Protein backbone atom coordinates (compact mmCIF):
# COMPACT_ATOMS: atom_id res chain seq x y z
CA UNK A 1 86.75 107.69 157.92
CA UNK A 2 89.56 106.91 155.67
CA UNK A 3 91.48 110.43 155.03
CA UNK A 4 90.99 111.60 151.44
CA UNK A 5 94.32 111.31 149.30
CA UNK A 6 93.76 114.92 146.93
CA UNK A 7 95.49 117.97 148.13
CA UNK A 8 94.10 120.03 151.07
CA UNK A 9 92.64 122.93 149.97
CA UNK A 10 94.47 125.55 151.79
CA UNK A 11 92.32 127.26 154.88
CA UNK A 12 92.22 131.34 155.14
CA UNK A 13 94.81 131.62 157.53
CA UNK A 14 97.08 129.35 155.19
CA UNK A 15 96.23 131.09 152.27
CA UNK A 16 98.94 133.79 151.76
CA UNK A 17 101.50 131.32 153.50
CA UNK A 18 100.74 128.26 150.38
CA UNK A 19 99.52 130.21 147.35
CA UNK A 20 102.98 132.11 148.04
CA UNK A 21 105.43 129.20 148.03
CA UNK A 22 103.57 127.18 145.79
CA UNK A 23 101.66 127.52 141.99
CA UNK A 24 99.53 125.10 143.12
CA UNK A 25 96.13 126.82 144.27
CA UNK A 26 95.41 130.38 142.68
CA UNK A 27 92.23 132.60 144.55
CA UNK A 28 88.88 133.41 142.52
CA UNK A 29 87.28 135.80 145.13
CA UNK A 30 86.83 133.55 148.32
CA UNK A 31 86.78 130.67 146.05
CA UNK A 32 90.02 127.77 145.67
CA UNK A 33 90.88 126.91 142.06
CA UNK A 34 92.88 123.89 141.91
CA UNK A 35 95.16 124.39 139.20
CA UNK A 36 95.99 121.95 135.90
CA UNK A 37 99.03 120.45 135.09
CA UNK A 38 99.31 122.51 132.02
CA UNK A 39 98.80 125.73 134.33
CA UNK A 40 100.76 124.33 137.09
CA UNK A 41 103.97 124.48 134.31
CA UNK A 42 103.51 128.07 132.96
CA UNK A 43 103.26 129.21 136.41
CA UNK A 44 106.43 127.20 137.35
CA UNK A 45 108.05 128.57 133.96
CA UNK A 46 106.93 131.88 134.66
CA UNK A 47 108.27 132.18 138.51
CA UNK A 48 111.58 130.55 137.31
CA UNK A 49 111.64 133.11 135.03
CA UNK A 50 111.28 136.00 137.13
CA UNK A 51 113.48 134.14 139.83
CA UNK A 52 116.12 133.60 137.36
CA UNK A 53 116.54 137.49 136.17
CA UNK A 54 116.80 138.85 140.02
CA UNK A 55 119.67 136.40 140.42
CA UNK A 56 120.88 137.89 137.01
CA UNK A 57 119.78 141.47 138.45
CA UNK A 58 121.41 141.04 141.97
CA UNK A 59 124.70 138.92 140.54
CA UNK A 60 125.19 142.56 138.20
CA UNK A 61 124.90 145.06 140.51
CA UNK A 62 126.75 143.16 143.51
CA UNK A 63 129.94 142.89 140.67
CA UNK A 64 129.77 145.86 139.35
CA UNK A 65 129.57 147.60 143.47
CA UNK A 66 132.45 145.85 144.15
CA UNK A 67 134.71 146.40 141.17
CA UNK A 68 133.42 149.98 141.17
CA UNK A 69 134.71 150.75 144.68
CA UNK A 70 138.16 149.29 143.67
CA UNK A 71 137.85 151.48 140.49
CA UNK A 72 136.88 154.40 142.38
CA UNK A 73 139.43 154.08 145.37
CA UNK A 74 142.67 152.51 143.65
CA UNK A 75 145.61 155.25 143.46
CA UNK A 76 146.24 153.41 139.02
CA UNK A 77 142.42 154.55 138.44
CA UNK A 78 139.94 157.30 139.98
CA UNK A 79 142.02 157.50 142.93
CA UNK A 80 139.54 159.13 144.78
CA UNK A 81 140.91 158.51 148.88
CA UNK A 82 138.39 159.30 150.74
CA UNK A 83 136.86 155.88 151.33
CA UNK A 84 135.18 156.73 154.30
CA UNK A 85 133.25 159.99 153.08
CA UNK A 86 131.98 158.01 150.03
CA UNK A 87 129.91 155.46 152.31
CA UNK A 88 128.59 158.33 154.58
CA UNK A 89 127.23 159.69 151.07
CA UNK A 90 126.12 156.32 150.35
CA UNK A 91 123.92 156.23 153.69
CA UNK A 92 122.38 159.32 153.33
CA UNK A 93 121.37 157.75 148.88
CA UNK A 94 119.91 154.79 150.96
CA UNK A 95 118.03 156.45 153.03
CA UNK A 96 116.89 158.96 151.30
CA UNK A 97 115.76 156.00 148.61
CA UNK A 98 114.17 153.81 151.56
CA UNK A 99 111.91 156.89 152.42
CA UNK A 100 110.87 157.17 149.11
CA UNK A 101 110.31 153.39 148.71
CA UNK A 102 108.15 153.40 151.61
CA UNK A 103 106.06 156.13 150.45
CA UNK A 104 105.12 154.63 147.95
CA UNK A 105 104.64 151.23 148.56
CA UNK A 106 103.52 151.84 152.38
CA UNK A 107 101.77 148.14 152.32
CA UNK A 108 105.18 146.31 151.90
CA UNK A 109 107.48 148.18 153.63
CA UNK A 110 106.56 150.43 156.21
CA UNK A 111 108.01 149.79 160.05
CA UNK A 112 105.49 148.21 162.00
CA UNK A 113 106.67 149.71 164.88
CA UNK A 114 108.87 152.89 166.17
CA UNK A 115 111.91 151.62 168.50
CA UNK A 116 112.05 154.60 171.80
CA UNK A 117 114.94 156.27 171.49
CA UNK A 118 115.89 154.14 174.52
CA UNK A 119 115.89 150.55 172.51
CA UNK A 120 117.49 152.81 169.74
CA UNK A 121 120.51 153.64 171.60
CA UNK A 122 120.52 150.32 173.49
CA UNK A 123 120.50 147.55 170.49
CA UNK A 124 120.35 149.41 166.95
CA UNK A 125 123.06 152.08 167.90
CA UNK A 126 125.13 149.44 168.71
CA UNK A 127 124.79 147.53 165.31
CA UNK A 128 125.20 150.26 163.30
CA UNK A 129 128.32 151.22 164.71
CA UNK A 130 129.78 147.64 164.31
CA UNK A 131 128.57 147.81 160.76
CA UNK A 132 129.84 150.89 159.61
CA UNK A 133 132.87 150.16 160.78
CA UNK A 134 133.16 147.10 158.73
CA UNK A 135 132.23 148.84 156.14
CA UNK A 136 134.43 151.69 156.30
CA UNK A 137 137.72 149.66 157.10
CA UNK A 138 136.80 147.43 154.11
CA UNK A 139 136.32 150.37 152.08
CA UNK A 140 139.86 151.67 153.74
CA UNK A 141 141.14 148.33 152.62
CA UNK A 142 140.65 148.61 149.01
CA UNK A 143 143.18 151.83 148.67
CA UNK A 144 146.03 149.46 149.20
CA UNK A 145 145.27 145.92 148.23
CA UNK A 146 143.48 144.38 145.49
CA UNK A 147 140.19 143.07 144.89
CA UNK A 148 140.89 139.58 144.52
CA UNK A 149 143.24 140.21 147.69
CA UNK A 150 140.15 141.82 149.24
CA UNK A 151 137.65 139.10 148.31
CA UNK A 152 139.91 135.87 149.21
CA UNK A 153 140.31 137.38 153.05
CA UNK A 154 136.38 138.65 153.41
CA UNK A 155 136.29 135.31 153.11
CA UNK A 156 137.14 134.63 156.49
CA UNK A 157 134.19 136.81 157.62
CA UNK A 158 131.75 133.29 158.15
CA UNK A 159 135.02 132.11 160.93
CA UNK A 160 134.43 135.64 163.14
CA UNK A 161 130.29 134.51 162.52
CA UNK A 162 130.82 131.30 164.36
CA UNK A 163 133.17 132.95 166.66
CA UNK A 164 130.28 135.38 167.81
CA UNK A 165 127.58 133.03 167.59
CA UNK A 166 129.36 130.95 170.19
CA UNK A 167 130.17 133.39 172.60
CA UNK A 168 126.84 135.40 172.88
CA UNK A 169 124.82 131.56 172.37
CA UNK A 170 123.84 132.10 169.37
CA UNK A 171 124.54 128.97 168.16
CA UNK A 172 124.94 124.96 169.69
CA UNK A 173 128.40 123.84 170.37
CA UNK A 174 129.02 121.04 167.30
CA UNK A 175 132.78 119.78 166.25
CA UNK A 176 131.09 120.30 162.88
CA UNK A 177 131.06 123.84 163.28
CA UNK A 178 134.80 123.73 164.39
CA UNK A 179 135.48 121.99 161.85
CA UNK A 180 134.15 124.43 159.47
CA UNK A 181 136.04 127.42 160.70
CA UNK A 182 139.54 125.65 160.56
CA UNK A 183 138.77 124.45 156.86
CA UNK A 184 138.26 128.12 156.34
CA UNK A 185 140.73 129.33 158.00
CA UNK A 186 143.23 127.22 156.18
CA UNK A 187 142.06 128.01 152.93
CA UNK A 188 142.39 131.58 154.07
CA UNK A 189 145.90 131.09 155.56
CA UNK A 190 146.82 129.35 152.14
CA UNK A 191 145.43 132.23 150.14
CA UNK A 192 146.92 135.28 152.73
CA UNK A 193 150.59 132.99 152.86
CA UNK A 194 150.80 132.83 149.02
CA UNK A 195 149.35 136.63 148.28
CA UNK A 196 151.69 138.18 145.47
CA UNK A 197 150.92 142.02 146.45
CA UNK A 198 151.10 141.63 149.75
CA UNK A 199 150.57 144.71 152.10
CA UNK A 200 150.30 144.43 156.03
CA UNK A 201 148.68 147.64 156.55
CA UNK A 202 145.60 146.94 154.32
CA UNK A 203 145.18 142.91 155.67
CA UNK A 204 144.44 144.57 159.01
CA UNK A 205 142.14 146.75 157.63
CA UNK A 206 140.22 143.69 155.86
CA UNK A 207 140.25 141.03 158.70
CA UNK A 208 139.12 143.93 161.27
CA UNK A 209 136.46 144.31 159.52
CA UNK A 210 135.79 140.71 158.91
CA UNK A 211 135.91 140.67 162.92
CA UNK A 212 133.82 143.34 163.11
CA UNK A 213 131.59 141.82 160.34
CA UNK A 214 130.88 138.65 162.91
CA UNK A 215 130.68 141.02 166.08
CA UNK A 216 127.58 142.75 163.41
CA UNK A 217 125.88 139.65 162.50
CA UNK A 218 125.45 138.34 166.44
CA UNK A 219 124.22 142.03 167.61
CA UNK A 220 122.11 141.72 164.16
CA UNK A 221 120.74 138.73 165.58
CA UNK A 222 120.15 140.05 169.06
CA UNK A 223 118.35 143.22 167.52
CA UNK A 224 115.91 141.37 165.65
CA UNK A 225 114.60 138.84 168.40
CA UNK A 226 112.56 141.84 169.31
CA UNK A 227 110.14 142.52 166.68
CA UNK A 228 108.51 145.00 168.17
CA UNK A 229 111.45 147.27 166.63
CA UNK A 230 110.52 148.31 163.23
CA UNK A 231 112.91 146.31 161.96
CA UNK A 232 110.45 143.89 159.75
CA UNK A 233 112.21 144.21 156.11
CA UNK A 234 115.33 144.90 154.86
CA UNK A 235 113.68 148.28 153.13
CA UNK A 236 112.69 149.75 156.89
CA UNK A 237 116.15 148.62 158.01
CA UNK A 238 117.84 150.72 155.94
CA UNK A 239 115.88 153.61 157.07
CA UNK A 240 116.41 153.10 160.60
CA UNK A 241 120.16 152.68 160.72
CA UNK A 242 121.49 154.33 157.91
CA UNK A 243 121.34 157.87 159.28
CA UNK A 244 123.45 156.72 162.85
CA UNK A 245 125.49 154.71 160.54
CA UNK A 246 125.97 157.97 158.13
CA UNK A 247 126.53 159.86 161.04
CA UNK A 248 129.37 158.03 162.26
CA UNK A 249 130.95 157.85 158.98
CA UNK A 250 131.08 161.01 158.76
CA UNK A 251 132.85 162.26 161.72
CA UNK A 252 135.36 159.24 161.19
CA UNK A 253 135.93 160.99 157.71
CA UNK A 254 136.29 164.42 159.11
CA UNK A 255 138.78 162.55 161.61
CA UNK A 256 140.59 160.76 159.10
CA UNK A 257 140.33 161.96 155.62
CA UNK A 258 140.55 165.98 156.56
CA UNK A 259 137.30 167.70 154.69
CA UNK A 260 139.58 170.69 154.29
CA UNK A 261 141.92 168.88 151.66
CA UNK A 262 138.72 167.23 150.33
CA UNK A 263 137.01 169.69 149.07
CA UNK A 264 139.98 172.04 147.79
CA UNK A 265 141.41 168.68 145.77
CA UNK A 266 140.70 168.42 141.84
CA UNK A 267 137.54 166.72 142.48
CA UNK A 268 135.92 169.60 143.45
CA UNK A 269 137.93 172.51 141.74
CA UNK A 270 135.30 174.19 139.80
CA UNK A 271 131.49 173.56 139.51
CA UNK A 272 131.20 171.26 136.56
CA UNK A 273 134.12 169.44 137.76
CA UNK A 274 132.45 168.82 141.38
CA UNK A 275 128.99 167.80 139.82
CA UNK A 276 130.62 165.22 137.40
CA UNK A 277 132.36 163.79 141.14
CA UNK A 278 129.68 163.79 143.14
CA UNK A 279 127.67 161.50 140.39
CA UNK A 280 130.15 159.16 140.87
CA UNK A 281 130.04 159.23 144.58
CA UNK A 282 126.70 158.62 144.62
CA UNK A 283 126.71 156.34 141.99
CA UNK A 284 127.32 153.48 143.79
CA UNK A 285 124.72 154.00 146.99
CA UNK A 286 121.96 153.78 144.18
CA UNK A 287 123.27 150.12 143.09
CA UNK A 288 124.03 148.76 146.60
CA UNK A 289 119.57 149.79 146.75
CA UNK A 290 118.98 147.94 144.23
CA UNK A 291 121.57 145.33 144.98
CA UNK A 292 119.15 145.06 148.54
CA UNK A 293 116.22 145.54 146.72
CA UNK A 294 117.32 142.42 144.02
CA UNK A 295 118.63 140.03 147.15
CA UNK A 296 115.48 140.24 149.26
CA UNK A 297 112.64 138.97 146.11
CA UNK A 298 115.82 136.61 145.73
CA UNK A 299 114.87 135.19 149.25
CA UNK A 300 111.26 135.61 149.52
CA UNK A 301 110.70 133.82 146.15
CA UNK A 302 113.55 131.05 146.27
CA UNK A 303 114.90 130.62 149.04
CA UNK A 304 118.33 130.36 150.90
CA UNK A 305 120.20 128.01 148.32
CA UNK A 306 120.29 129.88 145.20
CA UNK A 307 121.10 133.35 147.05
CA UNK A 308 123.66 131.18 148.43
CA UNK A 309 125.05 129.55 145.31
CA UNK A 310 125.30 132.71 143.46
CA UNK A 311 126.58 134.48 146.38
CA UNK A 312 129.60 132.35 146.33
CA UNK A 313 129.99 132.52 142.55
CA UNK A 314 129.78 135.97 142.66
CA UNK A 315 132.62 135.90 144.56
CA UNK A 316 134.39 133.75 142.25
CA UNK A 317 133.70 135.79 139.21
CA UNK A 318 134.94 138.82 141.28
CA UNK A 319 138.40 137.81 141.79
CA UNK A 320 138.53 136.60 137.82
CA UNK A 321 137.07 140.42 136.76
CA UNK A 322 140.39 141.52 139.03
CA UNK A 323 142.60 139.33 137.56
CA UNK A 324 141.62 140.32 134.18
CA UNK A 325 140.79 143.78 134.83
CA UNK A 326 143.08 145.55 137.21
CA UNK A 327 145.67 142.88 136.35
CA UNK A 328 145.83 141.01 139.99
CA UNK A 329 148.06 138.11 140.08
CA UNK A 330 146.81 134.81 141.21
CA UNK A 331 149.04 131.59 142.36
CA UNK A 332 147.87 128.10 142.05
CA UNK A 333 148.19 127.66 146.00
CA UNK A 334 145.45 131.37 146.10
CA UNK A 335 143.01 128.97 143.82
CA UNK A 336 143.55 126.51 145.76
CA UNK A 337 142.74 128.54 149.01
CA UNK A 338 139.69 129.90 147.34
CA UNK A 339 138.19 126.36 147.25
CA UNK A 340 138.70 125.16 150.02
CA UNK A 341 137.06 128.14 151.63
CA UNK A 342 134.49 127.95 149.15
CA UNK A 343 133.82 123.88 150.71
CA UNK A 344 133.41 125.76 154.04
CA UNK A 345 131.03 127.70 153.06
CA UNK A 346 129.22 125.20 151.24
CA UNK A 347 129.32 123.06 154.20
CA UNK A 348 128.44 125.39 156.59
CA UNK A 349 124.87 126.28 154.94
CA UNK A 350 124.07 122.42 154.01
CA UNK A 351 124.72 121.78 157.75
CA UNK A 352 122.26 124.70 158.79
CA UNK A 353 119.84 123.13 156.04
CA UNK A 354 120.34 119.96 157.49
CA UNK A 355 119.62 121.30 160.88
CA UNK A 356 116.29 123.32 160.41
CA UNK A 357 114.73 120.31 158.67
CA UNK A 358 114.84 118.47 161.63
CA UNK A 359 113.06 120.98 163.53
CA UNK A 360 109.11 121.17 163.35
CA UNK A 361 107.98 124.80 163.68
CA UNK A 362 104.70 126.66 163.06
CA UNK A 363 103.58 128.82 160.74
CA UNK A 364 104.12 131.72 161.87
CA UNK A 365 107.27 131.18 163.83
CA UNK A 366 108.60 130.43 160.18
CA UNK A 367 107.48 133.85 158.89
CA UNK A 368 109.19 135.58 161.64
CA UNK A 369 112.82 133.69 160.72
CA UNK A 370 112.80 134.24 157.14
CA UNK A 371 112.01 138.09 158.25
CA UNK A 372 115.26 137.80 160.14
CA UNK A 373 117.15 136.14 157.83
CA UNK A 374 116.34 138.51 155.30
CA UNK A 375 117.36 141.43 157.52
CA UNK A 376 120.53 139.79 158.49
CA UNK A 377 121.23 139.09 155.04
CA UNK A 378 121.31 142.91 153.76
CA UNK A 379 123.18 143.88 156.70
CA UNK A 380 125.79 141.87 154.65
CA UNK A 381 125.17 142.81 151.42
CA UNK A 382 125.25 146.92 152.01
CA UNK A 383 128.00 148.22 149.85
CA UNK A 384 129.72 145.40 148.87
CA UNK A 385 130.71 143.89 152.00
CA UNK A 386 130.39 140.13 151.37
CA UNK A 387 127.74 137.76 152.65
CA UNK A 388 127.53 134.91 155.89
């Protein structure tokens, strides 16, 4: 019997995935309605508009967060010199918001399971430690280096991602990936060598943060291989990791930043001044959480490529805003280094896409990989750290 050329209506098992991915079918009770050409056009434009709104929201939140952090820690602006304390507060904010979201929308965000104390200590806590140090050192560096230079240096994160992927055997060896590492390294080296406002201490902090970022990517990859621990979506991941991250950052803040001098500083001299200060400190935590949710829905609806393009565009925009708002000085060689690094990132992403296209995966495996990707992307976006 000859097979029909018309599209086959999805089975009951396929409907959730097929219908979410394409506007070709709509459900009417237990029946399947094949959309007309006009209906498909309307659905396509509606989906495109919603995707653009989410991308714009993420772009806005991510850019504002980067600029806000630099404004807060800069000695020429707010000059709040306690970035670790601020970041620990953000973890509290995000844990609170994650709890509220899970309570309101349990079907979408409720963790599917609870990790045991041993699992949390052996697998989740190391990831939280690496993430805390990455975010903490990144924000500490903003006290001494420009936002544009910070953005350039954080572009080196992909080098460490690939190196740790090789060490933990998460990535197969490839000469093309070695080429990507060398290309990005040359771009970062060119940016650093021609920086007009170079500060060695700040540079060491941000490069250390980039290295820890690569380590936490590998640890997260290993963590998410166990789907029974409850890290099934970005909100659940925030819910489980933010408490340990908050405690780690608070301890580091007490040791390094001296809370005695913090609470006797001008920022807490009266009740109303203290209230105003806390609003300034807590606001970025809310922005970061909104940014995470925006990215989650972009990845869920549009995929990795639009998100990657938006991420690179955001880096370029951040550097441009830094030159305009903070007066950062950029040289032609700086800009050339940025361009080389961007080319390396594009090559890496298209290499991943080309590799994935050659693999035949089942629907269930695809769903698991998507969930893991969303969680990985989340860990790179909290508090304005750069995406992979």
